[in-house]
Amino acid sequence: MRNSVKIAALILIAIGCCTIYLFHDLNGSYDYALPRRALKVLAMGITGIVIAYSTVVFQTITHNRILTPGIMGLDSLYTLLQTVIIFFLGSGHMLIINKQVNFFISIVAMILFALVLYRFLFKKGDQPIYFLLLIGIIVGTFFNSITTFFQVLIDPNEFQSVQDRMFASFNNINSDLVWLSLGISVLVMAYAWRYMKYLDVLSLGRETAINLGVPYDAIVKQMLVIVSIFISISTALVGPITFFGLITANLSYQFFKTYKHRTLIGGAILISIIALIGGQWVVERVFTFSTTLSVIINFTGGVYFIYLLLKERKAA
């Protein structure tokens, strides 16, 4: 089966999932239920697109298919930021109640952290990418330790607000945040699309890419900033989803036997949309909200991550 046929099949499945989620058991509530369902579908679509793109690009840069952008510590920083705000100011403060302000502060904090980290590590211009990953693991562990410290001391009544922000949720999404995320994502994606032609060459390695005339270091820095912005948007919009990108990216690699990133990224995006919208429908209609989609994703992703580790070890 040609890759174009596979893409067309995924598009049809994605449209089917969207249609079922939007119109199943609607019972004529077109004015009330349909706009809210459409907002959820849009939010899940944005999340799926930015996570899929970020993960495939990040794995291309690092030449490792078991790593995700979360290793840089952005998810940990988001959880720490929400915990600190609630600990010192309370869950009733404007920074928590006003979702637009909280969204803006979260994105700015994560992007500034990523820029400072990249500026420090790439100051000399000769730091290997794995040094960045090592620093990201250390910083992420440090953030998690501080977060746990504050959560132990926090008021039990306030801890519920912290816990709500530790897991991704597509319920009660603010429409303003969705449209704001969509606008930022479109602008960043339009800027990132100009670098799509370099990704196929970057996957060959640093030395080969440089010999072929690609400004490797400059492109990698640009890609890391774009990945950080996308991960910041998805995390601030719905919360941290640890293993989702790992699942969708590797499924795209398995489904599309190609090196072309236009196909790989497109396939990963479609798989992400199908998984999020279809999974949310299962959570709402089958499990009747007895669990959350993020719990299912993290459990499945954890098992799949172990499988990939064992597979890589066997291949080695």
Protein backbone atom coordinates (compact mmCIF):
# COMPACT_ATOMS: atom_id res chain seq x y z
CA MET A 1 0.00 0.00 0.00
CA ARG A 2 1.40 3.38 -1.01
CA ASN A 3 1.93 6.06 1.62
CA SER A 4 -0.54 8.37 -0.12
CA VAL A 5 -3.24 5.71 0.26
CA LYS A 6 -2.33 5.26 3.93
CA ILE A 7 -2.58 9.01 4.50
CA ALA A 8 -5.98 9.08 2.79
CA ALA A 9 -7.18 6.19 4.97
CA LEU A 10 -6.04 7.98 8.14
CA ILE A 11 -7.78 11.16 7.00
CA LEU A 12 -11.04 9.26 6.54
CA ILE A 13 -10.69 7.62 9.96
CA ALA A 14 -9.95 11.00 11.58
CA ILE A 15 -13.01 12.54 9.91
CA GLY A 16 -15.07 9.56 11.09
CA CYS A 17 -13.87 9.98 14.68
CA CYS A 18 -14.70 13.69 14.59
CA THR A 19 -18.15 13.00 13.15
CA ILE A 20 -18.97 10.33 15.72
CA TYR A 21 -17.78 12.50 18.61
CA LEU A 22 -19.71 15.53 17.38
CA PHE A 23 -23.05 13.93 16.50
CA HIS A 24 -23.37 10.69 18.48
CA ASP A 25 -26.28 10.84 20.92
CA LEU A 26 -26.75 14.55 20.27
CA ASN A 27 -30.55 14.31 20.65
CA GLY A 28 -31.19 17.60 18.89
CA SER A 29 -29.02 19.72 21.23
CA TYR A 30 -27.47 21.60 18.31
CA ASP A 31 -27.40 24.96 20.05
CA TYR A 32 -25.95 23.79 23.37
CA ALA A 33 -24.01 20.53 22.99
CA LEU A 34 -22.67 20.83 19.44
CA PRO A 35 -20.62 24.04 19.96
CA ARG A 36 -19.08 22.60 23.14
CA ARG A 37 -18.19 19.34 21.42
CA ALA A 38 -16.73 21.26 18.49
CA LEU A 39 -14.58 23.26 20.90
CA LYS A 40 -13.25 20.02 22.43
CA VAL A 41 -12.51 18.60 18.98
CA LEU A 42 -10.61 21.77 18.06
CA ALA A 43 -8.61 21.65 21.31
CA MET A 44 -7.75 17.98 20.79
CA GLY A 45 -6.78 18.71 17.19
CA ILE A 46 -4.42 21.50 18.24
CA THR A 47 -2.90 19.32 20.95
CA GLY A 48 -2.43 16.39 18.59
CA ILE A 49 -0.81 18.53 15.90
CA VAL A 50 1.72 20.31 18.11
CA ILE A 51 2.69 17.20 20.11
CA ALA A 52 3.10 15.03 17.00
CA TYR A 53 5.18 17.63 15.18
CA SER A 54 7.34 18.34 18.24
CA THR A 55 8.05 14.69 18.98
CA VAL A 56 9.01 13.69 15.43
CA VAL A 57 11.28 16.74 15.06
CA PHE A 58 12.85 16.22 18.49
CA GLN A 59 13.56 12.56 17.77
CA THR A 60 15.10 13.52 14.42
CA ILE A 61 17.41 16.02 16.10
CA THR A 62 18.46 13.62 18.85
CA HIS A 63 18.56 10.57 16.52
CA ASN A 64 16.70 8.61 19.18
CA ARG A 65 13.15 7.29 18.83
CA ILE A 66 12.51 6.68 22.53
CA LEU A 67 12.99 10.29 23.62
CA THR A 68 10.29 12.96 23.85
CA PRO A 69 10.50 16.75 24.30
CA GLY A 70 9.28 16.26 27.88
CA ILE A 71 12.80 15.20 28.77
CA MET A 72 13.80 18.88 28.69
CA GLY A 73 11.77 19.49 31.85
CA LEU A 74 9.02 21.72 30.45
CA ASP A 75 6.21 19.56 31.89
CA SER A 76 7.93 19.61 35.30
CA LEU A 77 8.29 23.37 35.13
CA TYR A 78 4.56 23.76 34.38
CA THR A 79 3.59 21.60 37.38
CA LEU A 80 6.04 23.49 39.61
CA LEU A 81 4.71 26.86 38.47
CA GLN A 82 1.08 25.92 39.18
CA THR A 83 2.02 24.45 42.58
CA VAL A 84 4.01 27.52 43.63
CA ILE A 85 1.22 29.92 42.62
CA ILE A 86 -1.40 27.97 44.57
CA PHE A 87 0.93 27.47 47.56
CA PHE A 88 1.75 31.17 48.02
CA LEU A 89 -1.34 32.89 46.57
CA GLY A 90 -4.10 30.29 46.93
CA SER A 91 -6.41 28.68 44.40
CA GLY A 92 -8.72 31.70 44.52
CA HIS A 93 -6.10 34.11 43.18
CA MET A 94 -6.55 35.78 39.80
CA LEU A 95 -3.53 33.93 38.39
CA ILE A 96 -5.43 30.65 38.87
CA ILE A 97 -9.04 31.72 38.29
CA ASN A 98 -8.28 33.79 35.19
CA LYS A 99 -7.34 31.08 32.70
CA GLN A 100 -6.11 33.54 30.09
CA VAL A 101 -3.59 35.08 32.50
CA ASN A 102 -2.54 31.65 33.75
CA PHE A 103 -2.14 30.42 30.17
CA PHE A 104 -0.01 33.41 29.20
CA ILE A 105 2.21 33.17 32.29
CA SER A 106 2.71 29.43 31.82
CA ILE A 107 3.71 29.76 28.16
CA VAL A 108 6.04 32.70 28.79
CA ALA A 109 7.72 30.95 31.73
CA MET A 110 8.32 27.71 29.78
CA ILE A 111 9.58 29.49 26.66
CA LEU A 112 11.92 31.74 28.68
CA PHE A 113 13.23 28.69 30.53
CA ALA A 114 13.92 26.92 27.23
CA LEU A 115 15.62 30.00 25.73
CA VAL A 116 17.85 30.50 28.78
CA LEU A 117 18.73 26.80 28.76
CA TYR A 118 19.62 26.83 25.07
CA ARG A 119 21.50 30.12 25.40
CA PHE A 120 23.60 28.73 28.23
CA LEU A 121 24.30 25.38 26.59
CA PHE A 122 24.95 26.64 23.06
CA LYS A 123 26.96 29.68 24.14
CA LYS A 124 30.22 28.14 22.95
CA GLY A 125 28.57 26.51 19.98
CA ASP A 126 30.19 23.12 20.53
CA GLN A 127 27.94 21.45 23.08
CA PRO A 128 26.58 18.07 21.93
CA ILE A 129 22.83 17.54 21.88
CA TYR A 130 23.09 14.79 24.50
CA PHE A 131 24.53 17.30 26.95
CA LEU A 132 21.27 19.26 26.56
CA LEU A 133 19.29 16.09 27.27
CA LEU A 134 21.36 15.37 30.38
CA ILE A 135 20.80 18.88 31.71
CA GLY A 136 17.09 18.57 30.91
CA ILE A 137 16.81 15.36 32.94
CA ILE A 138 18.62 16.92 35.89
CA VAL A 139 16.55 20.12 35.80
CA GLY A 140 13.31 18.17 35.40
CA THR A 141 14.17 16.00 38.42
CA PHE A 142 15.02 19.14 40.39
CA PHE A 143 11.68 20.74 39.50
CA ASN A 144 9.81 17.57 40.47
CA SER A 145 11.58 17.49 43.84
CA ILE A 146 10.63 21.08 44.60
CA THR A 147 7.06 20.43 43.46
CA THR A 148 6.78 17.42 45.77
CA PHE A 149 8.17 19.51 48.65
CA PHE A 150 5.50 22.18 48.22
CA GLN A 151 2.74 19.60 47.74
CA VAL A 152 3.63 18.01 51.08
CA LEU A 153 3.32 21.37 52.84
CA ILE A 154 0.31 22.69 50.98
CA ASP A 155 -3.14 22.91 52.53
CA PRO A 156 -5.14 19.73 51.76
CA ASN A 157 -8.02 21.81 50.40
CA GLU A 158 -5.66 23.55 47.99
CA PHE A 159 -3.99 20.32 46.92
CA GLN A 160 -7.07 19.37 44.90
CA SER A 161 -6.46 22.40 42.66
CA VAL A 162 -2.85 21.35 42.20
CA GLN A 163 -3.85 17.79 41.39
CA ASP A 164 -6.29 18.98 38.73
CA ARG A 165 -3.36 20.58 36.88
CA MET A 166 -1.08 17.55 37.11
CA PHE A 167 -3.10 15.59 34.54
CA ALA A 168 -4.25 16.58 31.08
CA SER A 169 -7.96 17.26 30.76
CA PHE A 170 -10.18 18.19 27.82
CA ASN A 171 -13.19 19.01 29.98
CA ASN A 172 -14.26 22.59 30.67
CA ILE A 173 -11.84 24.05 28.13
CA ASN A 174 -11.93 27.83 27.87
CA SER A 175 -12.86 28.89 24.35
CA ASP A 176 -10.57 31.93 24.49
CA LEU A 177 -7.58 29.68 25.25
CA VAL A 178 -8.41 27.44 22.30
CA TRP A 179 -8.54 30.30 19.82
CA LEU A 180 -5.41 31.86 21.30
CA SER A 181 -3.57 28.53 21.05
CA LEU A 182 -4.80 28.08 17.49
CA GLY A 183 -3.51 31.51 16.47
CA ILE A 184 -0.08 30.98 18.01
CA SER A 185 0.19 27.46 16.60
CA VAL A 186 -0.68 28.58 13.06
CA LEU A 187 1.93 31.36 13.17
CA VAL A 188 4.66 29.09 14.55
CA MET A 189 3.78 26.27 12.14
CA ALA A 190 3.95 28.67 9.19
CA TYR A 191 7.42 29.71 10.34
CA ALA A 192 8.51 26.11 11.01
CA TRP A 193 7.32 24.85 7.62
CA ARG A 194 10.25 26.58 5.90
CA TYR A 195 12.61 24.20 7.74
CA MET A 196 10.74 21.05 6.71
CA LYS A 197 13.11 20.49 3.78
CA TYR A 198 16.09 20.27 6.15
CA LEU A 199 14.68 17.54 8.39
CA ASP A 200 15.32 14.72 5.93
CA VAL A 201 18.98 15.72 5.81
CA LEU A 202 19.28 16.26 9.58
CA SER A 203 18.24 12.64 10.11
CA LEU A 204 21.47 11.56 8.39
CA GLY A 205 23.61 13.00 11.19
CA ARG A 206 25.58 16.15 11.92
CA GLU A 207 28.65 15.45 9.78
CA THR A 208 26.64 14.33 6.74
CA ALA A 209 24.26 17.29 7.00
CA ILE A 210 27.15 19.76 7.21
CA ASN A 211 28.88 18.13 4.23
CA LEU A 212 25.65 18.53 2.25
CA GLY A 213 25.63 22.26 2.99
CA VAL A 214 23.03 22.40 5.77
CA PRO A 215 23.73 24.91 8.60
CA TYR A 216 23.24 22.15 11.16
CA ASP A 217 23.76 24.04 14.44
CA ALA A 218 21.56 26.98 13.43
CA ILE A 219 18.75 24.70 12.23
CA VAL A 220 18.90 22.60 15.41
CA LYS A 221 18.62 25.72 17.59
CA GLN A 222 15.63 26.95 15.59
CA MET A 223 13.94 23.55 15.80
CA LEU A 224 14.48 23.30 19.56
CA VAL A 225 12.88 26.71 20.10
CA ILE A 226 9.90 25.72 17.92
CA VAL A 227 9.54 22.42 19.80
CA SER A 228 9.62 24.29 23.12
CA ILE A 229 6.89 26.70 21.99
CA PHE A 230 4.64 23.86 20.80
CA ILE A 231 5.11 21.82 23.98
CA SER A 232 4.42 24.95 26.05
CA ILE A 233 1.18 25.54 24.16
CA SER A 234 -0.09 21.97 24.57
CA THR A 235 0.90 21.79 28.25
CA ALA A 236 -0.64 25.15 29.13
CA LEU A 237 -3.81 24.33 27.16
CA VAL A 238 -4.71 20.86 28.47
CA GLY A 239 -1.92 19.85 30.89
CA PRO A 240 1.09 17.51 30.62
CA ILE A 241 0.78 14.34 28.51
CA THR A 242 4.00 12.46 29.07
CA PHE A 243 4.03 9.54 26.63
CA PHE A 244 1.53 10.59 23.98
CA GLY A 245 4.08 11.87 21.48
CA LEU A 246 6.19 8.74 21.94
CA ILE A 247 3.26 6.52 20.93
CA THR A 248 2.09 8.49 17.91
CA ALA A 249 5.56 9.16 16.51
CA ASN A 250 6.64 5.52 16.69
CA LEU A 251 3.34 4.33 15.23
CA SER A 252 3.96 6.68 12.32
CA TYR A 253 7.45 5.23 11.85
CA GLN A 254 6.02 1.72 11.80
CA PHE A 255 3.12 2.56 9.52
CA PHE A 256 5.08 4.65 7.00
CA LYS A 257 8.33 3.02 5.93
CA THR A 258 9.90 6.23 4.67
CA TYR A 259 12.47 8.84 5.59
CA LYS A 260 10.39 11.79 4.31
CA HIS A 261 9.33 13.94 7.23
CA ARG A 262 6.36 15.43 5.43
CA THR A 263 4.81 11.97 5.42
CA LEU A 264 6.02 11.00 8.91
CA ILE A 265 4.81 14.22 10.53
CA GLY A 266 1.52 14.15 8.64
CA GLY A 267 0.92 10.56 9.66
CA ALA A 268 1.83 11.25 13.29
CA ILE A 269 -0.59 14.21 13.35
CA LEU A 270 -3.46 12.12 11.96
CA ILE A 271 -2.74 9.27 14.38
CA SER A 272 -2.68 11.79 17.26
CA ILE A 273 -6.04 13.25 16.26
CA ILE A 274 -7.58 9.79 15.93
CA ALA A 275 -6.18 8.68 19.30
CA LEU A 276 -7.27 11.81 21.18
CA ILE A 277 -10.76 12.19 19.74
CA GLY A 278 -11.47 8.46 19.65
CA GLY A 279 -10.01 7.98 23.10
CA GLN A 280 -12.04 10.85 24.54
CA TRP A 281 -15.21 9.37 23.05
CA VAL A 282 -14.41 6.05 24.73
CA VAL A 283 -13.76 7.80 28.06
CA GLU A 284 -17.08 9.64 27.88
CA ARG A 285 -19.34 6.95 26.40
CA VAL A 286 -17.79 3.67 27.53
CA PHE A 287 -16.10 4.52 30.83
CA THR A 288 -18.63 7.30 31.61
CA PHE A 289 -15.89 9.62 32.93
CA SER A 290 -14.73 7.04 35.50
CA THR A 291 -11.18 7.73 34.30
CA THR A 292 -9.38 10.39 32.25
CA LEU A 293 -7.81 10.15 28.83
CA SER A 294 -4.40 11.20 30.18
CA VAL A 295 -4.34 8.24 32.58
CA ILE A 296 -5.04 5.82 29.72
CA ILE A 297 -2.42 7.48 27.52
CA ASN A 298 0.26 7.50 30.21
CA PHE A 299 -0.42 3.85 31.11
CA THR A 300 -0.38 2.73 27.48
CA GLY A 301 2.63 4.92 26.73
CA GLY A 302 4.55 3.56 29.72
CA VAL A 303 3.99 -0.01 28.57
CA TYR A 304 4.96 0.93 25.01
CA PHE A 305 8.07 2.72 26.27
CA ILE A 306 9.19 -0.44 28.08
CA TYR A 307 8.54 -2.42 24.91
CA LEU A 308 10.71 -0.02 22.89
CA LEU A 309 13.52 -0.26 25.43
CA LEU A 310 13.45 -4.06 25.31
CA LYS A 311 13.30 -3.94 21.50
CA GLU A 312 16.31 -1.61 21.30
CA ARG A 313 18.25 -3.79 23.73
CA LYS A 314 17.48 -6.91 21.70
CA ALA A 315 18.54 -5.19 18.48
CA ALA A 316 21.80 -4.07 20.11
